[in-house]
Full PDB file with SEQRES, HELIX, SHEET, SSBOND, CRYST1, ORIGX, SCALE, CONECT and MASTER records, all heavy atoms in Angstrom:
SEQRES   1 A   33  PRO SER ARG ASP PRO GLN PRO LEU VAL THR PRO LYS LYS          
SEQRES   2 A   33  ALA ASN ILE SER TRP SER LEU ASP PHE MET SER ASP SER          
SEQRES   3 A   33  LEU GLU ASP GLY ARG THR PHE                                  
CRYST1    1.000    1.000    1.000  90.00  90.00  90.00 P 1           1          
ORIGX1      1.000000  0.000000  0.000000        0.00000                         
ORIGX2      0.000000  1.000000  0.000000        0.00000                         
ORIGX3      0.000000  0.000000  1.000000        0.00000                         
SCALE1      1.000000  0.000000  0.000000        0.00000                         
SCALE2      0.000000  1.000000  0.000000        0.00000                         
SCALE3      0.000000  0.000000  1.000000        0.00000                         
ATOM      1  N   PRO A   1      25.000 -46.741  75.032  1.00  0.00           N  
ATOM      2  CA  PRO A   1      25.840 -45.730  75.662  1.00  0.00           C  
ATOM      3  C   PRO A   1      24.973 -44.632  76.282  1.00  0.00           C  
ATOM      4  O   PRO A   1      23.883 -44.331  75.803  1.00  0.00           O  
ATOM      5  CB  PRO A   1      26.670 -45.179  74.503  1.00  0.00           C  
ATOM      6  CG  PRO A   1      25.877 -45.487  73.281  1.00  0.00           C  
ATOM      7  CD  PRO A   1      25.124 -46.747  73.588  1.00  0.00           C  
ATOM      8  N   SER A   2      25.461 -44.065  77.362  1.00  0.00           N  
ATOM      9  CA  SER A   2      24.705 -42.984  77.993  1.00  0.00           C  
ATOM     10  C   SER A   2      24.720 -41.774  77.074  1.00  0.00           C  
ATOM     11  O   SER A   2      25.739 -41.436  76.471  1.00  0.00           O  
ATOM     12  CB  SER A   2      25.308 -42.631  79.347  1.00  0.00           C  
ATOM     13  OG  SER A   2      26.636 -42.189  79.177  1.00  0.00           O  
ATOM     14  N   ARG A   3      23.588 -41.168  76.947  1.00  0.00           N  
ATOM     15  CA  ARG A   3      23.455 -40.042  76.025  1.00  0.00           C  
ATOM     16  C   ARG A   3      23.457 -38.740  76.796  1.00  0.00           C  
ATOM     17  O   ARG A   3      22.844 -38.619  77.847  1.00  0.00           O  
ATOM     18  CB  ARG A   3      22.180 -40.176  75.222  1.00  0.00           C  
ATOM     19  CG  ARG A   3      22.212 -41.410  74.353  1.00  0.00           C  
ATOM     20  CD  ARG A   3      21.020 -41.486  73.472  1.00  0.00           C  
ATOM     21  NE  ARG A   3      21.109 -42.699  72.668  1.00  0.00           N  
ATOM     22  CZ  ARG A   3      20.123 -43.187  71.981  1.00  0.00           C  
ATOM     23  NH1 ARG A   3      18.961 -42.588  71.994  1.00  0.00           N  
ATOM     24  NH2 ARG A   3      20.280 -44.276  71.267  1.00  0.00           N  
ATOM     25  N   ASP A   4      24.143 -37.798  76.231  1.00  0.00           N  
ATOM     26  CA  ASP A   4      24.202 -36.465  76.803  1.00  0.00           C  
ATOM     27  C   ASP A   4      23.587 -35.501  75.786  1.00  0.00           C  
ATOM     28  O   ASP A   4      24.284 -34.990  74.911  1.00  0.00           O  
ATOM     29  CB  ASP A   4      25.652 -36.081  77.101  1.00  0.00           C  
ATOM     30  CG  ASP A   4      25.766 -34.757  77.837  1.00  0.00           C  
ATOM     31  OD1 ASP A   4      24.772 -34.329  78.454  1.00  0.00           O  
ATOM     32  OD2 ASP A   4      26.852 -34.149  77.775  1.00  0.00           O  
ATOM     33  N   PRO A   5      22.265 -35.285  75.842  1.00  0.00           N  
ATOM     34  CA  PRO A   5      21.626 -34.460  74.820  1.00  0.00           C  
ATOM     35  C   PRO A   5      22.098 -33.012  74.891  1.00  0.00           C  
ATOM     36  O   PRO A   5      22.221 -32.424  75.961  1.00  0.00           O  
ATOM     37  CB  PRO A   5      20.136 -34.562  75.140  1.00  0.00           C  
ATOM     38  CG  PRO A   5      20.067 -34.977  76.565  1.00  0.00           C  
ATOM     39  CD  PRO A   5      21.317 -35.755  76.850  1.00  0.00           C  
ATOM     40  N   GLN A   6      22.388 -32.485  73.725  1.00  0.00           N  
ATOM     41  CA  GLN A   6      22.826 -31.097  73.607  1.00  0.00           C  
ATOM     42  C   GLN A   6      21.678 -30.285  72.996  1.00  0.00           C  
ATOM     43  O   GLN A   6      20.998 -30.756  72.087  1.00  0.00           O  
ATOM     44  CB  GLN A   6      24.052 -30.999  72.699  1.00  0.00           C  
ATOM     45  CG  GLN A   6      25.232 -31.817  73.173  1.00  0.00           C  
ATOM     46  CD  GLN A   6      25.824 -31.262  74.460  1.00  0.00           C  
ATOM     47  OE1 GLN A   6      25.775 -30.075  74.705  1.00  0.00           O  
ATOM     48  NE2 GLN A   6      26.340 -32.151  75.291  1.00  0.00           N  
ATOM     49  N   PRO A   7      21.461 -29.074  73.476  1.00  0.00           N  
ATOM     50  CA  PRO A   7      20.405 -28.254  72.878  1.00  0.00           C  
ATOM     51  C   PRO A   7      20.796 -27.841  71.461  1.00  0.00           C  
ATOM     52  O   PRO A   7      21.978 -27.693  71.147  1.00  0.00           O  
ATOM     53  CB  PRO A   7      20.322 -27.038  73.805  1.00  0.00           C  
ATOM     54  CG  PRO A   7      21.641 -26.994  74.483  1.00  0.00           C  
ATOM     55  CD  PRO A   7      22.125 -28.405  74.580  1.00  0.00           C  
ATOM     56  N   LEU A   8      19.774 -27.725  70.589  1.00  0.00           N  
ATOM     57  CA  LEU A   8      20.027 -27.305  69.221  1.00  0.00           C  
ATOM     58  C   LEU A   8      20.478 -25.851  69.195  1.00  0.00           C  
ATOM     59  O   LEU A   8      19.925 -24.998  69.891  1.00  0.00           O  
ATOM     60  CB  LEU A   8      18.770 -27.474  68.372  1.00  0.00           C  
ATOM     61  CG  LEU A   8      18.302 -28.913  68.163  1.00  0.00           C  
ATOM     62  CD1 LEU A   8      16.986 -28.914  67.399  1.00  0.00           C  
ATOM     63  CD2 LEU A   8      19.355 -29.696  67.425  1.00  0.00           C  
ATOM     64  N   VAL A   9      21.463 -25.590  68.378  1.00  0.00           N  
ATOM     65  CA  VAL A   9      21.991 -24.234  68.260  1.00  0.00           C  
ATOM     66  C   VAL A   9      21.184 -23.501  67.200  1.00  0.00           C  
ATOM     67  O   VAL A   9      21.040 -23.973  66.075  1.00  0.00           O  
ATOM     68  CB  VAL A   9      23.486 -24.275  67.867  1.00  0.00           C  
ATOM     69  CG1 VAL A   9      24.023 -22.870  67.707  1.00  0.00           C  
ATOM     70  CG2 VAL A   9      24.278 -25.048  68.894  1.00  0.00           C  
ATOM     71  N   THR A  10      20.641 -22.343  67.548  1.00  0.00           N  
ATOM     72  CA  THR A  10      19.908 -21.544  66.580  1.00  0.00           C  
ATOM     73  C   THR A  10      20.868 -20.540  65.947  1.00  0.00           C  
ATOM     74  O   THR A  10      21.706 -19.950  66.641  1.00  0.00           O  
ATOM     75  CB  THR A  10      18.747 -20.785  67.254  1.00  0.00           C  
ATOM     76  OG1 THR A  10      19.273 -20.010  68.321  1.00  0.00           O  
ATOM     77  CG2 THR A  10      17.727 -21.759  67.802  1.00  0.00           C  
ATOM     78  N   PRO A  11      20.771 -20.369  64.626  1.00  0.00           N  
ATOM     79  CA  PRO A  11      21.668 -19.408  63.964  1.00  0.00           C  
ATOM     80  C   PRO A  11      21.411 -17.985  64.438  1.00  0.00           C  
ATOM     81  O   PRO A  11      20.313 -17.628  64.867  1.00  0.00           O  
ATOM     82  CB  PRO A  11      21.323 -19.563  62.483  1.00  0.00           C  
ATOM     83  CG  PRO A  11      20.474 -20.775  62.369  1.00  0.00           C  
ATOM     84  CD  PRO A  11      19.917 -21.069  63.706  1.00  0.00           C  
ATOM     85  N   LYS A  12      22.438 -17.157  64.358  1.00  0.00           N  
ATOM     86  CA  LYS A  12      22.337 -15.759  64.804  1.00  0.00           C  
ATOM     87  C   LYS A  12      21.676 -14.852  63.775  1.00  0.00           C  
ATOM     88  O   LYS A  12      21.156 -13.799  64.118  1.00  0.00           O  
ATOM     89  CB  LYS A  12      23.723 -15.212  65.141  1.00  0.00           C  
ATOM     90  CG  LYS A  12      24.436 -16.010  66.210  1.00  0.00           C  
ATOM     91  CD  LYS A  12      23.714 -15.896  67.528  1.00  0.00           C  
ATOM     92  CE  LYS A  12      24.499 -16.663  68.588  1.00  0.00           C  
ATOM     93  NZ  LYS A  12      23.723 -16.962  69.754  1.00  0.00           N  
ATOM     94  N   LYS A  13      21.743 -15.230  62.486  1.00  0.00           N  
ATOM     95  CA  LYS A  13      21.095 -14.433  61.444  1.00  0.00           C  
ATOM     96  C   LYS A  13      20.655 -15.345  60.309  1.00  0.00           C  
ATOM     97  O   LYS A  13      20.978 -16.532  60.294  1.00  0.00           O  
ATOM     98  CB  LYS A  13      22.007 -13.325  60.936  1.00  0.00           C  
ATOM     99  CG  LYS A  13      23.291 -13.792  60.318  1.00  0.00           C  
ATOM    100  CD  LYS A  13      24.126 -12.615  59.871  1.00  0.00           C  
ATOM    101  CE  LYS A  13      25.369 -13.113  59.139  1.00  0.00           C  
ATOM    102  NZ  LYS A  13      26.106 -12.019  58.566  1.00  0.00           N  
ATOM    103  N   ALA A  14      19.921 -14.792  59.364  1.00  0.00           N  
ATOM    104  CA  ALA A  14      19.356 -15.573  58.270  1.00  0.00           C  
ATOM    105  C   ALA A  14      20.441 -16.052  57.301  1.00  0.00           C  
ATOM    106  O   ALA A  14      21.536 -15.484  57.223  1.00  0.00           O  
ATOM    107  CB  ALA A  14      18.325 -14.737  57.521  1.00  0.00           C  
ATOM    108  N   ASN A  15      20.141 -17.119  56.571  1.00  0.00           N  
ATOM    109  CA  ASN A  15      20.979 -17.704  55.523  1.00  0.00           C  
ATOM    110  C   ASN A  15      22.299 -18.282  56.042  1.00  0.00           C  
ATOM    111  O   ASN A  15      23.268 -18.382  55.303  1.00  0.00           O  
ATOM    112  CB  ASN A  15      21.264 -16.696  54.400  1.00  0.00           C  
ATOM    113  CG  ASN A  15      20.018 -16.380  53.615  1.00  0.00           C  
ATOM    114  OD1 ASN A  15      19.164 -17.232  53.436  1.00  0.00           O  
ATOM    115  ND2 ASN A  15      19.905 -15.143  53.163  1.00  0.00           N  
ATOM    116  N   ILE A  16      22.370 -18.652  57.290  1.00  0.00           N  
ATOM    117  CA  ILE A  16      23.551 -19.344  57.817  1.00  0.00           C  
ATOM    118  C   ILE A  16      23.344 -20.850  57.736  1.00  0.00           C  
ATOM    119  O   ILE A  16      24.248 -21.587  57.370  1.00  0.00           O  
ATOM    120  CB  ILE A  16      23.847 -18.897  59.263  1.00  0.00           C  
ATOM    121  CG1 ILE A  16      24.308 -17.452  59.266  1.00  0.00           C  
ATOM    122  CG2 ILE A  16      24.879 -19.792  59.898  1.00  0.00           C  
ATOM    123  CD1 ILE A  16      24.635 -16.914  60.622  1.00  0.00           C  
ATOM    124  N   SER A  17      22.141 -21.309  58.055  1.00  0.00           N  
ATOM    125  CA  SER A  17      21.860 -22.741  58.086  1.00  0.00           C  
ATOM    126  C   SER A  17      20.504 -23.002  57.442  1.00  0.00           C  
ATOM    127  O   SER A  17      19.519 -22.351  57.781  1.00  0.00           O  
ATOM    128  CB  SER A  17      21.869 -23.233  59.531  1.00  0.00           C  
ATOM    129  OG  SER A  17      21.481 -24.560  59.597  1.00  0.00           O  
ATOM    130  N   TRP A  18      20.485 -23.978  56.509  1.00  0.00           N  
ATOM    131  CA  TRP A  18      19.250 -24.368  55.847  1.00  0.00           C  
ATOM    132  C   TRP A  18      18.957 -25.829  56.146  1.00  0.00           C  
ATOM    133  O   TRP A  18      19.852 -26.604  56.459  1.00  0.00           O  
ATOM    134  CB  TRP A  18      19.344 -24.195  54.337  1.00  0.00           C  
ATOM    135  CG  TRP A  18      19.460 -22.776  53.862  1.00  0.00           C  
ATOM    136  CD1 TRP A  18      19.372 -21.654  54.607  1.00  0.00           C  
ATOM    137  CD2 TRP A  18      19.693 -22.372  52.523  1.00  0.00           C  
ATOM    138  NE1 TRP A  18      19.533 -20.558  53.822  1.00  0.00           N  
ATOM    139  CE2 TRP A  18      19.737 -20.957  52.529  1.00  0.00           C  
ATOM    140  CE3 TRP A  18      19.868 -23.031  51.339  1.00  0.00           C  
ATOM    141  CZ2 TRP A  18      19.936 -20.220  51.377  1.00  0.00           C  
ATOM    142  CZ3 TRP A  18      20.067 -22.293  50.187  1.00  0.00           C  
ATOM    143  CH2 TRP A  18      20.102 -20.908  50.210  1.00  0.00           C  
ATOM    144  N   SER A  19      17.701 -26.202  56.029  1.00  0.00           N  
ATOM    145  CA  SER A  19      17.284 -27.589  56.210  1.00  0.00           C  
ATOM    146  C   SER A  19      16.505 -28.049  54.988  1.00  0.00           C  
ATOM    147  O   SER A  19      15.742 -27.280  54.406  1.00  0.00           O  
ATOM    148  CB  SER A  19      16.398 -27.735  57.440  1.00  0.00           C  
ATOM    149  OG  SER A  19      17.097 -27.396  58.597  1.00  0.00           O  
ATOM    150  N   LEU A  20      16.704 -29.318  54.624  1.00  0.00           N  
ATOM    151  CA  LEU A  20      15.962 -29.935  53.524  1.00  0.00           C  
ATOM    152  C   LEU A  20      14.990 -30.955  54.103  1.00  0.00           C  
ATOM    153  O   LEU A  20      15.316 -31.656  55.057  1.00  0.00           O  
ATOM    154  CB  LEU A  20      16.906 -30.661  52.568  1.00  0.00           C  
ATOM    155  CG  LEU A  20      17.937 -29.834  51.839  1.00  0.00           C  
ATOM    156  CD1 LEU A  20      18.900 -30.743  51.100  1.00  0.00           C  
ATOM    157  CD2 LEU A  20      17.264 -28.901  50.865  1.00  0.00           C  
ATOM    158  N   ASP A  21      13.832 -31.052  53.501  1.00  0.00           N  
ATOM    159  CA  ASP A  21      12.845 -32.016  53.969  1.00  0.00           C  
ATOM    160  C   ASP A  21      12.026 -32.493  52.778  1.00  0.00           C  
ATOM    161  O   ASP A  21      11.658 -31.702  51.911  1.00  0.00           O  
ATOM    162  CB  ASP A  21      11.935 -31.368  55.007  1.00  0.00           C  
ATOM    163  CG  ASP A  21      10.977 -32.362  55.630  1.00  0.00           C  
ATOM    164  OD1 ASP A  21      11.317 -33.561  55.653  1.00  0.00           O  
ATOM    165  OD2 ASP A  21       9.909 -31.946  56.094  1.00  0.00           O  
ATOM    166  N   PHE A  22      11.771 -33.792  52.730  1.00  0.00           N  
ATOM    167  CA  PHE A  22      10.903 -34.374  51.718  1.00  0.00           C  
ATOM    168  C   PHE A  22       9.571 -34.713  52.359  1.00  0.00           C  
ATOM    169  O   PHE A  22       9.515 -35.194  53.477  1.00  0.00           O  
ATOM    170  CB  PHE A  22      11.510 -35.667  51.147  1.00  0.00           C  
ATOM    171  CG  PHE A  22      12.684 -35.432  50.248  1.00  0.00           C  
ATOM    172  CD1 PHE A  22      13.961 -35.571  50.723  1.00  0.00           C  
ATOM    173  CD2 PHE A  22      12.500 -35.085  48.922  1.00  0.00           C  
ATOM    174  CE1 PHE A  22      15.044 -35.378  49.904  1.00  0.00           C  
ATOM    175  CE2 PHE A  22      13.576 -34.886  48.089  1.00  0.00           C  
ATOM    176  CZ  PHE A  22      14.852 -35.026  48.583  1.00  0.00           C  
ATOM    177  N   MET A  23       8.512 -34.473  51.608  1.00  0.00           N  
ATOM    178  CA  MET A  23       7.177 -34.878  52.028  1.00  0.00           C  
ATOM    179  C   MET A  23       6.516 -35.561  50.839  1.00  0.00           C  
ATOM    180  O   MET A  23       6.842 -35.251  49.692  1.00  0.00           O  
ATOM    181  CB  MET A  23       6.348 -33.673  52.474  1.00  0.00           C  
ATOM    182  CG  MET A  23       6.856 -32.995  53.721  1.00  0.00           C  
ATOM    183  SD  MET A  23       5.961 -31.501  54.146  1.00  0.00           S  
ATOM    184  CE  MET A  23       4.349 -32.127  54.450  1.00  0.00           C  
ATOM    185  N   SER A  24       5.611 -36.480  51.117  1.00  0.00           N  
ATOM    186  CA  SER A  24       4.912 -37.148  50.016  1.00  0.00           C  
ATOM    187  C   SER A  24       3.436 -37.271  50.361  1.00  0.00           C  
ATOM    188  O   SER A  24       3.042 -37.302  51.527  1.00  0.00           O  
ATOM    189  CB  SER A  24       5.516 -38.525  49.752  1.00  0.00           C  
ATOM    190  OG  SER A  24       5.298 -39.363  50.850  1.00  0.00           O  
ATOM    191  N   ASP A  25       2.641 -37.335  49.322  1.00  0.00           N  
ATOM    192  CA  ASP A  25       1.205 -37.490  49.458  1.00  0.00           C  
ATOM    193  C   ASP A  25       0.699 -38.124  48.176  1.00  0.00           C  
ATOM    194  O   ASP A  25       1.454 -38.315  47.224  1.00  0.00           O  
ATOM    195  CB  ASP A  25       0.542 -36.138  49.717  1.00  0.00           C  
ATOM    196  CG  ASP A  25      -0.823 -36.281  50.388  1.00  0.00           C  
ATOM    197  OD1 ASP A  25      -1.251 -37.430  50.622  1.00  0.00           O  
ATOM    198  OD2 ASP A  25      -1.458 -35.254  50.672  1.00  0.00           O  
ATOM    199  N   SER A  26      -0.573 -38.441  48.133  1.00  0.00           N  
ATOM    200  CA  SER A  26      -1.135 -39.037  46.921  1.00  0.00           C  
ATOM    201  C   SER A  26      -2.371 -38.260  46.495  1.00  0.00           C  
ATOM    202  O   SER A  26      -3.087 -37.683  47.310  1.00  0.00           O  
ATOM    203  CB  SER A  26      -1.485 -40.507  47.153  1.00  0.00           C  
ATOM    204  OG  SER A  26      -2.451 -40.621  48.154  1.00  0.00           O  
ATOM    205  N   LEU A  27      -2.590 -38.271  45.195  1.00  0.00           N  
ATOM    206  CA  LEU A  27      -3.756 -37.610  44.627  1.00  0.00           C  
ATOM    207  C   LEU A  27      -4.970 -38.526  44.737  1.00  0.00           C  
ATOM    208  O   LEU A  27      -4.870 -39.691  45.144  1.00  0.00           O  
ATOM    209  CB  LEU A  27      -3.485 -37.263  43.166  1.00  0.00           C  
ATOM    210  CG  LEU A  27      -2.294 -36.325  42.927  1.00  0.00           C  
ATOM    211  CD1 LEU A  27      -2.031 -36.207  41.429  1.00  0.00           C  
ATOM    212  CD2 LEU A  27      -2.567 -34.969  43.529  1.00  0.00           C  
ATOM    213  N   GLU A  28      -6.120 -38.013  44.354  1.00  0.00           N  
ATOM    214  CA  GLU A  28      -7.350 -38.792  44.450  1.00  0.00           C  
ATOM    215  C   GLU A  28      -7.327 -40.009  43.533  1.00  0.00           C  
ATOM    216  O   GLU A  28      -7.894 -41.055  43.851  1.00  0.00           O  
ATOM    217  CB  GLU A  28      -8.548 -37.901  44.102  1.00  0.00           C  
ATOM    218  CG  GLU A  28      -9.885 -38.555  44.356  1.00  0.00           C  
ATOM    219  CD  GLU A  28     -11.012 -37.590  44.135  1.00  0.00           C  
ATOM    220  OE1 GLU A  28     -10.939 -36.455  44.599  1.00  0.00           O  
ATOM    221  OE2 GLU A  28     -11.986 -38.013  43.476  1.00  0.00           O  
ATOM    222  N   ASP A  29      -6.627 -39.893  42.404  1.00  0.00           N  
ATOM    223  CA  ASP A  29      -6.566 -41.018  41.469  1.00  0.00           C  
ATOM    224  C   ASP A  29      -5.472 -42.024  41.823  1.00  0.00           C  
ATOM    225  O   ASP A  29      -5.262 -42.999  41.106  1.00  0.00           O  
ATOM    226  CB  ASP A  29      -6.385 -40.525  40.035  1.00  0.00           C  
ATOM    227  CG  ASP A  29      -5.111 -39.726  39.841  1.00  0.00           C  
ATOM    228  OD1 ASP A  29      -4.359 -39.558  40.823  1.00  0.00           O  
ATOM    229  OD2 ASP A  29      -4.857 -39.286  38.709  1.00  0.00           O  
ATOM    230  N   GLY A  30      -4.765 -41.825  42.934  1.00  0.00           N  
ATOM    231  CA  GLY A  30      -3.778 -42.794  43.406  1.00  0.00           C  
ATOM    232  C   GLY A  30      -2.344 -42.448  43.072  1.00  0.00           C  
ATOM    233  O   GLY A  30      -1.425 -43.098  43.572  1.00  0.00           O  
ATOM    234  N   ARG A  31      -2.112 -41.480  42.204  1.00  0.00           N  
ATOM    235  CA  ARG A  31      -0.736 -41.104  41.872  1.00  0.00           C  
ATOM    236  C   ARG A  31      -0.108 -40.378  43.068  1.00  0.00           C  
ATOM    237  O   ARG A  31      -0.765 -39.593  43.744  1.00  0.00           O  
ATOM    238  CB  ARG A  31      -0.699 -40.191  40.647  1.00  0.00           C  
ATOM    239  CG  ARG A  31      -1.123 -40.886  39.372  1.00  0.00           C  
ATOM    240  CD  ARG A  31      -0.983 -39.979  38.180  1.00  0.00           C  
ATOM    241  NE  ARG A  31      -1.834 -38.806  38.361  1.00  0.00           N  
ATOM    242  CZ  ARG A  31      -1.631 -37.630  37.763  1.00  0.00           C  
ATOM    243  NH1 ARG A  31      -0.630 -37.479  36.945  1.00  0.00           N  
ATOM    244  NH2 ARG A  31      -2.450 -36.627  37.971  1.00  0.00           N  
ATOM    245  N   THR A  32       1.163 -40.669  43.306  1.00  0.00           N  
ATOM    246  CA  THR A  32       1.857 -40.025  44.425  1.00  0.00           C  
ATOM    247  C   THR A  32       2.714 -38.882  43.910  1.00  0.00           C  
ATOM    248  O   THR A  32       3.185 -38.902  42.767  1.00  0.00           O  
ATOM    249  CB  THR A  32       2.747 -41.028  45.168  1.00  0.00           C  
ATOM    250  OG1 THR A  32       3.715 -41.546  44.264  1.00  0.00           O  
ATOM    251  CG2 THR A  32       1.931 -42.164  45.753  1.00  0.00           C  
ATOM    252  N   PHE A  33       2.898 -37.894  44.753  1.00  0.00           N  
ATOM    253  CA  PHE A  33       3.803 -36.797  44.435  1.00  0.00           C  
ATOM    254  C   PHE A  33       4.629 -36.485  45.667  1.00  0.00           C  
ATOM    255  O   PHE A  33       4.262 -36.823  46.791  1.00  0.00           O  
ATOM    256  CB  PHE A  33       3.041 -35.558  43.948  1.00  0.00           C  
ATOM    257  CG  PHE A  33       2.166 -34.928  44.986  1.00  0.00           C  
ATOM    258  CD1 PHE A  33       2.634 -33.890  45.770  1.00  0.00           C  
ATOM    259  CD2 PHE A  33       0.869 -35.360  45.180  1.00  0.00           C  
ATOM    260  CE1 PHE A  33       1.831 -33.302  46.731  1.00  0.00           C  
ATOM    261  CE2 PHE A  33       0.063 -34.779  46.131  1.00  0.00           C  
ATOM    262  CZ  PHE A  33       0.533 -33.758  46.913  1.00  0.00           C  
TER     263      PHE A  33                                                      
MASTER        0    0    0    0    0    0    0    6  262    1    0    3          
END                                                                             
């Protein structure tokens, strides 16, 4: 389908919209966190 990209809306003040993100990495001994 043809896409109509919309610009992201930025909140007007703090604490209106939050985002969650996961990141992962590994230690020198191979364990991941």
